[in-house]
Amino acid sequence: MDIIISNSSSDPIYVQITNQIKKHIISETLKEGDMLPSIRKLAKNLHISVITTKRAYEELEREGLINSVPGKGFFIATQNEGFLKEKKIKFIEDKLSEVIKECYIVGITLEELMEMTRLLYKD
């Protein structure tokens, strides 16, 4: 599992970690029962605070995406199909919202965005 922390991102580090783990779950590169690195190991690998990684794991646990097993670690939670589909849709909606905001900033119209989307979707 690759997690990349960007110093240029406006998102806090724990959000970057949370979002990247969510992306791995949604894309199913992380599957039910897969073990996540320990909080200490992830913090060491990313050269960040243990508190930051703990906050990211707590957020994922609160959303029901991972489970903590005392004495063993953190694991990808069982996902029901409806829940996983809803998470995938929400993930795409969030990404589209970001793109739409950028379109407003640079002056791209809805029609231009739709045309770009059609062309890119076919690829």
Foldseek 3Di string as FASTA:
>chain_A
DDQDADPPDPDDRLVSVLLVVLVCVLVVVADFFDFDDALVVVCVVHVHDSVSSVVSVVVCVVVVQWDADPPPHIGGHDDDPVRSVVSNVVSVVVVVVVVVVVCVVVVNDPVNVVVVCVVVVVD
